[in-house]
């Protein structure tokens, strides 16, 4: 398979209420949608699609104005469209994606960042997110080319090399990737997946937290109403990381509401804001003593510390001895996962926004080394929600997936929901992906009546 044409579109989306996580708050996002046309040696052609929100606040938290950061990411995405169009390699999407990530993306990022002040340099995580729509589109195109769903194209009948060409095992494990392929680490698909609701730092949990300026659009405003409406039983709690008393009380308040409404599981997500290991362990230990039931509901802890594990090489065994500890922002690729495992991180959160290629390689490495998985959201609307859901369905997570686009911009995906209602509507605590069918990611794009804006690159 060789790339013959690349186009890029920007789709702006507004949130209905602000989404606060870590040190940032999101009220708008631009989704980057890529289209890639490909051809094989026999002359057959296909067209694939990929989409990712350019979530500036998550990929590039800093003091620079939002618009300056967003424009930098949009410009970088446009540069990548040109680079992908000129990418002369051919092969399977895993081969093409890996080659681009290893050589082209670092080169382009270094070129763009050259001479800039440190705070104005696009981070590697942001570069991955900008690259991901193109990488996703490759997999969709290849599936259409061979007339197979993406997850049926990840074995030896389609790949020319096994995983030993991409991955290296940890030194303390008797693991070999010789003769192994991503398909060896997939699980039988389930069409109904438990869904995690994200409780943002600014979300109203108790009635007294309502400010009176909330939208009156028929969607819930209070956490309890969300739980009852959607039958939720998994809640991700966003914590601030700089006020232990607030973080602790937030867990208690949400845990108490959860015990009254049938919630089974909680997650504590710091989004890189906790200062050190004791900050986390002291909250966990206090919760165990004072609220043992809520402590028992806490299924895992996610990314307490900054994602640069070289700069903040904390030994985190004390946390993972208490609860499973998931890498999220820091899990750029399998090499970082390997380093994190040495430090005591027990688990990995996969995201399609860090490229489908990277997610498949990290999944394979983590599962081979006994690490557990989750699939986390980037508030993925529209087409972006579909590969995200498929990754969770095929990779085998400890409990479903996170899906919070129905919370923060529920109307953004109305056109896609007309074709795939179960993906964009959470019911009985689950989403339903049974509407996905056909080759590639099963988008059924021809049935979705969305008119795209003019392409920014074509």
Protein backbone atom coordinates (compact mmCIF):
# COMPACT_ATOMS: atom_id res chain seq x y z
CA UNK A 1 0.00 0.00 0.00
CA UNK A 2 1.31 3.44 -0.95
CA UNK A 3 -0.14 6.86 -0.12
CA UNK A 4 -1.41 8.80 -3.14
CA UNK A 5 -3.29 11.74 -1.61
CA UNK A 6 -3.75 13.42 1.78
CA UNK A 7 -6.28 16.06 2.83
CA UNK A 8 -6.96 17.69 6.19
CA UNK A 9 -10.04 19.38 7.68
CA UNK A 10 -10.58 21.33 10.90
CA UNK A 11 -13.92 20.97 12.71
CA UNK A 12 -14.48 23.36 15.65
CA UNK A 13 -16.50 22.17 18.65
CA UNK A 14 -17.75 24.12 21.70
CA UNK A 15 -18.38 22.53 25.09
CA UNK A 16 -21.78 22.98 26.78
CA UNK A 17 -20.01 23.40 30.15
CA UNK A 18 -16.28 23.84 30.87
CA UNK A 19 -14.24 20.69 31.44
CA UNK A 20 -11.58 21.18 34.10
CA UNK A 21 -8.76 18.69 34.45
CA UNK A 22 -5.31 19.16 35.94
CA UNK A 23 -4.33 22.82 35.77
CA UNK A 24 -6.38 23.59 32.65
CA UNK A 25 -10.01 24.06 31.60
CA UNK A 26 -11.39 23.18 28.17
CA UNK A 27 -14.28 25.13 26.66
CA UNK A 28 -13.58 24.57 22.97
CA UNK A 29 -11.59 22.23 20.75
CA UNK A 30 -10.70 21.80 17.11
CA UNK A 31 -10.98 18.29 15.70
CA UNK A 32 -8.47 17.45 12.98
CA UNK A 33 -9.94 15.07 10.38
CA UNK A 34 -7.61 13.49 7.83
CA UNK A 35 -8.42 11.66 4.61
CA UNK A 36 -5.76 9.44 3.01
CA UNK A 37 -6.08 7.75 -0.36
CA UNK A 38 -3.93 4.70 -1.06
CA UNK A 39 -3.15 2.31 -3.90
CA UNK A 40 -1.66 -1.17 -3.98
CA UNK A 41 0.53 -2.82 -6.65
CA UNK A 42 -2.48 -4.18 -8.50
CA UNK A 43 -3.94 -0.69 -8.90
CA UNK A 44 -6.73 -1.08 -6.36
CA UNK A 45 -7.50 2.13 -4.49
CA UNK A 46 -9.14 2.99 -1.19
CA UNK A 47 -9.83 6.01 0.99
CA UNK A 48 -9.45 6.09 4.77
CA UNK A 49 -10.44 8.54 7.49
CA UNK A 50 -9.02 9.46 10.87
CA UNK A 51 -9.96 12.12 13.40
CA UNK A 52 -8.57 13.42 16.70
CA UNK A 53 -9.40 16.44 18.87
CA UNK A 54 -6.42 18.78 19.16
CA UNK A 55 -6.97 19.05 22.90
CA UNK A 56 -4.49 21.82 23.63
CA UNK A 57 -5.05 21.81 27.37
CA UNK A 58 -4.20 18.13 27.70
CA UNK A 59 -1.25 17.92 25.32
CA UNK A 60 0.39 21.26 26.09
CA UNK A 61 -0.46 22.65 29.55
CA UNK A 62 1.43 25.90 30.11
CA UNK A 63 1.01 29.64 30.57
CA UNK A 64 0.89 30.47 26.86
CA UNK A 65 -2.52 31.75 25.67
CA UNK A 66 -4.83 29.01 24.44
CA UNK A 67 -5.21 30.47 20.95
CA UNK A 68 -1.45 30.69 20.46
CA UNK A 69 -1.03 27.03 21.35
CA UNK A 70 -4.00 25.93 19.25
CA UNK A 71 -2.80 27.81 16.18
CA UNK A 72 0.63 26.22 16.61
CA UNK A 73 -0.95 22.74 16.66
CA UNK A 74 -3.14 23.48 13.65
CA UNK A 75 -0.14 24.75 11.72
CA UNK A 76 1.86 21.68 12.74
CA UNK A 77 -0.98 19.41 11.61
CA UNK A 78 -1.00 21.11 8.23
CA UNK A 79 2.75 20.59 7.95
CA UNK A 80 2.26 16.90 8.76
CA UNK A 81 -0.35 16.56 6.03
CA UNK A 82 2.26 17.70 3.52
CA UNK A 83 4.87 15.35 5.00
CA UNK A 84 2.52 12.36 4.90
CA UNK A 85 1.64 13.15 1.28
CA UNK A 86 5.35 13.08 0.42
CA UNK A 87 6.04 9.92 2.46
CA UNK A 88 7.29 7.50 -0.18
CA UNK A 89 7.32 4.30 1.86
CA UNK A 90 4.90 1.46 1.19
CA UNK A 91 3.59 -1.35 3.35
CA UNK A 92 1.12 -2.20 6.09
CA UNK A 93 -0.16 0.70 8.26
CA UNK A 94 1.85 -0.61 11.23
CA UNK A 95 5.00 -0.52 9.12
CA UNK A 96 4.25 2.91 7.68
CA UNK A 97 3.12 4.34 11.01
CA UNK A 98 6.17 3.03 12.84
CA UNK A 99 8.56 4.37 10.20
CA UNK A 100 6.94 7.81 10.31
CA UNK A 101 7.00 7.93 14.13
CA UNK A 102 10.62 6.85 14.31
CA UNK A 103 12.08 9.14 11.65
CA UNK A 104 9.75 11.72 10.13
CA UNK A 105 7.83 13.01 13.13
CA UNK A 106 10.95 13.77 15.23
CA UNK A 107 12.56 15.47 12.24
CA UNK A 108 9.55 17.68 11.54
CA UNK A 109 9.07 18.52 15.22
CA UNK A 110 12.73 19.50 15.62
CA UNK A 111 12.48 21.65 12.51
CA UNK A 112 9.36 23.46 13.76
CA UNK A 113 10.74 23.96 17.28
CA UNK A 114 14.21 25.10 16.21
CA UNK A 115 15.08 28.49 17.65
CA UNK A 116 11.93 28.84 19.75
CA UNK A 117 11.89 29.61 23.46
CA UNK A 118 11.30 26.47 25.54
CA UNK A 119 7.67 27.29 26.44
CA UNK A 120 6.81 27.85 22.77
CA UNK A 121 8.16 24.48 21.63
CA UNK A 122 5.48 21.95 20.73
CA UNK A 123 5.78 18.98 23.12
CA UNK A 124 6.19 15.43 21.84
CA UNK A 125 2.77 14.47 23.22
CA UNK A 126 1.19 17.25 21.16
CA UNK A 127 3.10 16.10 18.09
CA UNK A 128 1.72 12.58 18.53
CA UNK A 129 -1.82 13.92 18.76
CA UNK A 130 -1.36 15.97 15.58
CA UNK A 131 0.01 12.89 13.83
CA UNK A 132 -2.73 10.53 14.95
CA UNK A 133 -5.51 11.43 12.44
CA UNK A 134 -3.20 10.49 9.56
CA UNK A 135 -2.06 7.29 11.25
CA UNK A 136 -5.66 6.29 11.95
CA UNK A 137 -6.66 7.02 8.36
CA UNK A 138 -3.97 4.62 7.12
CA UNK A 139 -5.53 1.71 9.02
CA UNK A 140 -9.00 2.58 7.76
CA UNK A 141 -7.73 2.76 4.18
CA UNK A 142 -5.85 -0.53 4.41
CA UNK A 143 -8.90 -2.31 5.83
CA UNK A 144 -10.95 -1.06 2.91
CA UNK A 145 -8.23 -2.07 0.47
CA UNK A 146 -8.25 -5.67 1.69
CA UNK A 147 -11.97 -5.60 2.58
CA UNK A 148 -11.43 -6.47 6.24
CA UNK A 149 -12.07 -4.74 9.57
CA UNK A 150 -8.91 -3.15 10.96
CA UNK A 151 -8.51 -5.65 13.80
CA UNK A 152 -8.56 -8.56 11.35
CA UNK A 153 -5.48 -7.20 9.56
CA UNK A 154 -2.98 -7.40 12.43
CA UNK A 155 -1.62 -10.93 11.99
CA UNK A 156 1.06 -12.68 9.89
CA UNK A 157 -1.15 -12.93 6.82
CA UNK A 158 -0.91 -9.14 6.42
CA UNK A 159 2.25 -8.09 8.30
CA UNK A 160 5.66 -8.84 6.78
CA UNK A 161 7.47 -8.70 10.15
CA UNK A 162 6.68 -9.90 13.65
CA UNK A 163 6.78 -7.73 16.77
CA UNK A 164 10.45 -8.52 17.43
CA UNK A 165 11.21 -5.94 14.72
CA UNK A 166 9.51 -3.25 16.81
CA UNK A 167 9.69 -4.22 20.50
CA UNK A 168 12.33 -5.27 23.05
CA UNK A 169 11.43 -7.15 26.21
CA UNK A 170 12.26 -5.99 29.72
CA UNK A 171 15.54 -7.41 31.02
CA UNK A 172 13.91 -9.06 34.04
CA UNK A 173 11.28 -10.97 32.05
CA UNK A 174 11.56 -14.09 29.93
CA UNK A 175 9.52 -12.58 27.10
CA UNK A 176 10.07 -12.95 23.38
CA UNK A 177 8.27 -11.19 20.56
CA UNK A 178 9.61 -13.55 17.92
CA UNK A 179 6.67 -14.98 16.01
CA UNK A 180 4.25 -12.69 17.85
CA UNK A 181 1.91 -10.18 16.21
CA UNK A 182 -0.58 -7.63 17.57
CA UNK A 183 -3.32 -10.14 16.79
CA UNK A 184 -1.88 -12.44 19.47
CA UNK A 185 -2.74 -9.87 22.15
CA UNK A 186 -6.32 -9.11 21.11
CA UNK A 187 -9.41 -10.43 22.89
CA UNK A 188 -12.78 -11.57 21.49
CA UNK A 189 -14.83 -8.48 20.85
CA UNK A 190 -17.79 -7.50 23.00
CA UNK A 191 -20.27 -5.06 21.53
CA UNK A 192 -21.40 -3.59 24.88
CA UNK A 193 -18.68 -1.89 26.90
CA UNK A 194 -18.89 -0.40 30.42
CA UNK A 195 -18.38 3.34 30.23
CA UNK A 196 -16.58 5.73 32.59
CA UNK A 197 -18.08 9.15 33.27
CA UNK A 198 -15.54 11.89 33.94
CA UNK A 199 -16.25 14.20 36.89
CA UNK A 200 -14.31 17.34 35.97
CA UNK A 201 -12.80 19.61 38.56
CA UNK A 202 -15.48 22.25 37.91
CA UNK A 203 -18.42 19.84 37.61
CA UNK A 204 -21.27 20.32 40.06
CA UNK A 205 -21.40 17.36 42.43
CA UNK A 206 -23.60 18.79 45.19
CA UNK A 207 -26.59 21.15 44.62
CA UNK A 208 -24.80 23.97 46.44
CA UNK A 209 -22.08 23.95 43.77
CA UNK A 210 -24.45 25.13 41.03
CA UNK A 211 -23.73 28.74 40.09
CA UNK A 212 -27.01 29.57 38.37
CA UNK A 213 -25.48 30.22 34.94
CA UNK A 214 -25.56 26.61 33.78
CA UNK A 215 -27.19 25.78 30.42
CA UNK A 216 -30.84 24.80 30.56
CA UNK A 217 -30.71 22.42 27.63
CA UNK A 218 -32.26 19.29 29.05
CA UNK A 219 -28.97 17.56 29.90
CA UNK A 220 -28.10 16.86 33.54
CA UNK A 221 -26.21 19.39 35.62
CA UNK A 222 -25.57 17.40 38.80
CA UNK A 223 -23.56 14.21 39.06
CA UNK A 224 -26.44 12.30 40.67
CA UNK A 225 -28.68 13.11 37.71
CA UNK A 226 -26.07 11.91 35.23
CA UNK A 227 -25.72 8.63 37.12
CA UNK A 228 -29.47 8.02 37.19
CA UNK A 229 -30.07 9.07 33.58
CA UNK A 230 -27.27 6.98 32.05
CA UNK A 231 -27.21 4.12 34.57
CA UNK A 232 -23.56 4.86 35.28
CA UNK A 233 -21.51 2.59 37.52
CA UNK A 234 -17.96 3.87 36.79
CA UNK A 235 -16.82 7.40 37.71
CA UNK A 236 -13.46 8.99 36.96
CA UNK A 237 -12.72 11.74 39.49
CA UNK A 238 -10.48 14.59 38.33
CA UNK A 239 -8.32 15.87 41.21
CA UNK A 240 -6.27 19.06 41.47
CA UNK A 241 -3.00 17.73 42.94
CA UNK A 242 -2.19 20.86 44.94
CA UNK A 243 -4.79 20.77 47.72
CA UNK A 244 -4.87 17.43 49.54
CA UNK A 245 -7.89 18.40 51.63
CA UNK A 246 -9.91 19.29 48.52
CA UNK A 247 -8.83 16.14 46.68
CA UNK A 248 -9.72 13.94 49.64
CA UNK A 249 -13.13 15.54 50.16
CA UNK A 250 -13.87 15.33 46.44
CA UNK A 251 -13.32 11.57 46.54
CA UNK A 252 -15.48 11.27 49.65
CA UNK A 253 -18.33 13.37 48.27
CA UNK A 254 -18.40 11.51 44.96
CA UNK A 255 -17.96 8.16 46.66
CA UNK A 256 -20.91 8.81 48.94
CA UNK A 257 -23.13 9.81 46.03
CA UNK A 258 -21.93 6.70 44.24
CA UNK A 259 -22.82 4.36 47.10
CA UNK A 260 -26.33 5.83 47.13
CA UNK A 261 -26.87 5.42 43.38
CA UNK A 262 -25.36 2.03 42.56
CA UNK A 263 -21.93 3.13 41.36
CA UNK A 264 -19.42 0.30 41.64
CA UNK A 265 -16.08 1.81 40.64
CA UNK A 266 -14.10 5.03 41.01
CA UNK A 267 -10.83 6.23 39.52
CA UNK A 268 -8.64 9.02 40.92
CA UNK A 269 -7.05 10.97 38.04
CA UNK A 270 -4.49 13.69 38.84
CA UNK A 271 -3.53 14.61 35.25
CA UNK A 272 0.14 15.11 36.18
CA UNK A 273 -0.47 17.53 39.08
CA UNK A 274 0.58 15.64 42.25
CA UNK A 275 3.88 16.88 43.73
CA UNK A 276 5.24 13.62 45.12
CA UNK A 277 4.42 10.04 46.13
CA UNK A 278 3.39 10.79 49.76
CA UNK A 279 0.76 13.24 48.52
CA UNK A 280 -1.02 10.32 46.87
CA UNK A 281 -0.40 7.59 49.44
CA UNK A 282 -1.55 9.75 52.37
CA UNK A 283 -4.90 10.39 50.68
CA UNK A 284 -5.29 6.68 49.91
CA UNK A 285 -4.41 5.63 53.47
CA UNK A 286 -6.78 8.15 55.02
CA UNK A 287 -9.55 7.00 52.70
CA UNK A 288 -8.95 3.38 53.70
CA UNK A 289 -9.25 4.16 57.41
CA UNK A 290 -12.12 6.67 57.32
CA UNK A 291 -14.14 5.42 54.33
CA UNK A 292 -13.17 1.80 53.63
CA UNK A 293 -16.12 1.23 51.31
CA UNK A 294 -15.14 4.15 49.10
CA UNK A 295 -11.53 2.96 49.19
CA UNK A 296 -12.74 -0.43 47.98
CA UNK A 297 -14.61 1.24 45.11
CA UNK A 298 -11.38 2.91 43.94
CA UNK A 299 -10.35 0.63 41.07
CA UNK A 300 -7.18 2.49 40.09
CA UNK A 301 -5.13 5.70 40.26
CA UNK A 302 -4.14 7.50 37.06
CA UNK A 303 -1.10 9.62 36.18
CA UNK A 304 -0.36 11.53 39.39
CA UNK A 305 2.95 12.94 38.13
CA UNK A 306 4.30 14.92 35.20
CA UNK A 307 4.61 12.83 32.08
CA UNK A 308 8.37 13.26 31.68
CA UNK A 309 9.46 10.16 33.61
CA UNK A 310 13.11 11.05 33.09
CA UNK A 311 12.69 14.42 34.80
CA UNK A 312 10.40 13.05 37.56
CA UNK A 313 11.74 9.53 38.01
CA UNK A 314 9.76 8.83 41.17
CA UNK A 315 9.77 5.31 42.55
CA UNK A 316 6.01 4.73 42.66
CA UNK A 317 5.89 1.20 44.08
CA UNK A 318 4.28 2.60 47.25
CA UNK A 319 1.26 3.69 45.22
CA UNK A 320 0.97 0.61 43.03
CA UNK A 321 1.17 -1.55 46.19
CA UNK A 322 -2.09 0.09 47.27
CA UNK A 323 -3.93 0.43 43.96
CA UNK A 324 -3.18 -0.26 40.27
CA UNK A 325 -1.28 2.75 38.96
CA UNK A 326 -1.88 3.72 35.33
CA UNK A 327 0.37 5.68 33.02
CA UNK A 328 -1.62 8.00 30.76
CA UNK A 329 0.02 11.23 29.56
CA UNK A 330 3.46 9.68 30.11
CA UNK A 331 2.78 6.52 28.07
CA UNK A 332 4.01 7.97 24.77
CA UNK A 333 5.21 4.62 23.47
CA UNK A 334 6.34 1.16 24.56
CA UNK A 335 9.81 2.42 25.53
CA UNK A 336 8.33 4.82 28.08
CA UNK A 337 6.04 2.04 29.30
CA UNK A 338 9.10 -0.14 29.82
CA UNK A 339 10.81 2.61 31.81
CA UNK A 340 7.66 3.26 33.84
CA UNK A 341 7.38 -0.41 34.75
CA UNK A 342 10.86 -0.23 36.29
CA UNK A 343 9.71 2.68 38.45
CA UNK A 344 6.67 0.77 39.70
CA UNK A 345 3.87 1.76 37.33
CA UNK A 346 1.69 -1.33 37.04
CA UNK A 347 -0.69 -0.45 34.22
CA UNK A 348 -1.10 1.47 30.96
CA UNK A 349 -3.88 3.71 29.64
CA UNK A 350 -4.08 3.46 25.86
CA UNK A 351 -5.28 6.32 23.67
CA UNK A 352 -5.84 6.37 19.93
CA UNK A 353 -4.84 10.05 19.98
CA UNK A 354 -1.23 8.93 20.47
CA UNK A 355 -1.58 7.05 17.16
CA UNK A 356 -3.14 3.68 16.46
CA UNK A 357 0.35 2.35 15.75
CA UNK A 358 1.65 3.45 19.14
CA UNK A 359 -1.41 2.08 20.92
CA UNK A 360 -1.03 -1.36 19.29
CA UNK A 361 2.68 -1.57 20.14
CA UNK A 362 2.17 -0.37 23.73
CA UNK A 363 -0.74 -2.79 24.15
CA UNK A 364 1.35 -5.71 22.95
CA UNK A 365 4.35 -4.82 25.11
CA UNK A 366 2.26 -4.21 28.23
CA UNK A 367 0.22 -7.41 27.94
CA UNK A 368 3.34 -9.48 27.28
CA UNK A 369 4.73 -8.14 30.57
CA UNK A 370 1.60 -8.68 32.65
CA UNK A 371 0.52 -5.04 32.82
CA UNK A 372 -3.20 -4.27 32.83
CA UNK A 373 -4.87 -1.86 30.43
CA UNK A 374 -7.49 0.84 30.17
CA UNK A 375 -8.57 2.87 27.15
CA UNK A 376 -9.02 6.55 27.97
CA UNK A 377 -10.83 9.34 26.22
CA UNK A 378 -9.70 12.66 24.81
CA UNK A 379 -13.34 13.76 24.84
CA UNK A 380 -13.60 12.14 21.39
CA UNK A 381 -16.67 13.21 19.37
CA UNK A 382 -17.78 12.38 15.84
CA UNK A 383 -15.54 9.92 13.96
CA UNK A 384 -12.88 10.11 16.70
CA UNK A 385 -15.09 8.10 19.05
CA UNK A 386 -15.12 5.02 16.81
CA UNK A 387 -11.46 3.84 16.71
CA UNK A 388 -11.34 4.74 20.41
CA UNK A 389 -14.21 2.36 21.18
CA UNK A 390 -12.81 -0.36 18.93
CA UNK A 391 -9.44 -0.22 20.69
CA UNK A 392 -11.16 -0.83 24.03
CA UNK A 393 -13.29 -3.62 22.59
CA UNK A 394 -10.29 -5.51 21.19
CA UNK A 395 -7.49 -4.83 23.67
CA UNK A 396 -9.07 -6.18 26.86
CA UNK A 397 -9.27 -3.50 29.55
CA UNK A 398 -9.89 -3.95 33.26
CA UNK A 399 -13.26 -2.18 32.90
CA UNK A 400 -14.60 -0.85 29.62
CA UNK A 401 -13.53 2.60 28.46
CA UNK A 402 -13.89 6.27 29.26
CA UNK A 403 -16.36 8.21 27.11
CA UNK A 404 -17.12 11.78 28.09
CA UNK A 405 -18.00 13.52 24.80
CA UNK A 406 -21.71 12.88 25.60
CA UNK A 407 -21.17 15.01 28.72
CA UNK A 408 -19.27 17.99 27.39
CA UNK A 409 -20.54 18.36 23.80
CA UNK A 410 -23.51 16.00 23.43
CA UNK A 411 -24.83 17.68 20.28
CA UNK A 412 -21.52 17.60 18.40
CA UNK A 413 -22.01 14.01 17.22
CA UNK A 414 -25.70 14.11 16.28
CA UNK A 415 -25.05 13.24 12.64
CA UNK A 416 -22.80 10.30 13.55
CA UNK A 417 -25.28 9.20 16.22
CA UNK A 418 -28.00 8.86 13.58
CA UNK A 419 -25.97 5.95 12.17
CA UNK A 420 -24.31 4.73 15.40
CA UNK A 421 -26.71 5.61 18.24
CA UNK A 422 -25.17 3.27 20.78
CA UNK A 423 -21.71 4.83 20.57
CA UNK A 424 -22.79 8.37 21.40
CA UNK A 425 -25.51 7.52 23.92
CA UNK A 426 -24.61 5.87 27.24
CA UNK A 427 -27.33 3.56 28.56
CA UNK A 428 -27.29 1.18 31.52
CA UNK A 429 -23.72 2.27 32.10
CA UNK A 430 -22.52 1.06 28.69
CA UNK A 431 -22.02 2.06 25.09
CA UNK A 432 -22.98 -0.26 22.23
CA UNK A 433 -20.77 -0.62 19.15
CA UNK A 434 -22.88 -3.19 17.30
CA UNK A 435 -23.66 -0.67 14.52
CA UNK A 436 -20.03 -0.73 13.33
CA UNK A 437 -19.66 -2.95 10.29
CA UNK A 438 -17.80 -3.18 7.05
CA UNK A 439 -14.08 -2.84 6.28
CA UNK A 440 -11.67 -0.48 8.00
CA UNK A 441 -13.05 1.04 11.18
CA UNK A 442 -16.64 0.46 10.04
CA UNK A 443 -17.43 4.18 10.13
CA UNK A 444 -20.08 3.91 7.38
CA UNK A 445 -19.04 7.43 6.37
CA UNK A 446 -21.25 7.41 3.29
CA UNK A 447 -24.32 7.18 5.54
CA UNK A 448 -23.27 10.07 7.82
CA UNK A 449 -24.67 13.30 6.43
CA UNK A 450 -21.93 15.61 7.67
CA UNK A 451 -20.82 18.33 5.28
CA UNK A 452 -17.15 19.03 5.88
CA UNK A 453 -15.68 22.54 5.73
CA UNK A 454 -13.17 23.37 3.04
CA UNK A 455 -9.98 21.34 3.38
CA UNK A 456 -7.05 23.28 4.86
CA UNK A 457 -4.64 20.97 3.01
CA UNK A 458 -5.52 19.10 -0.18
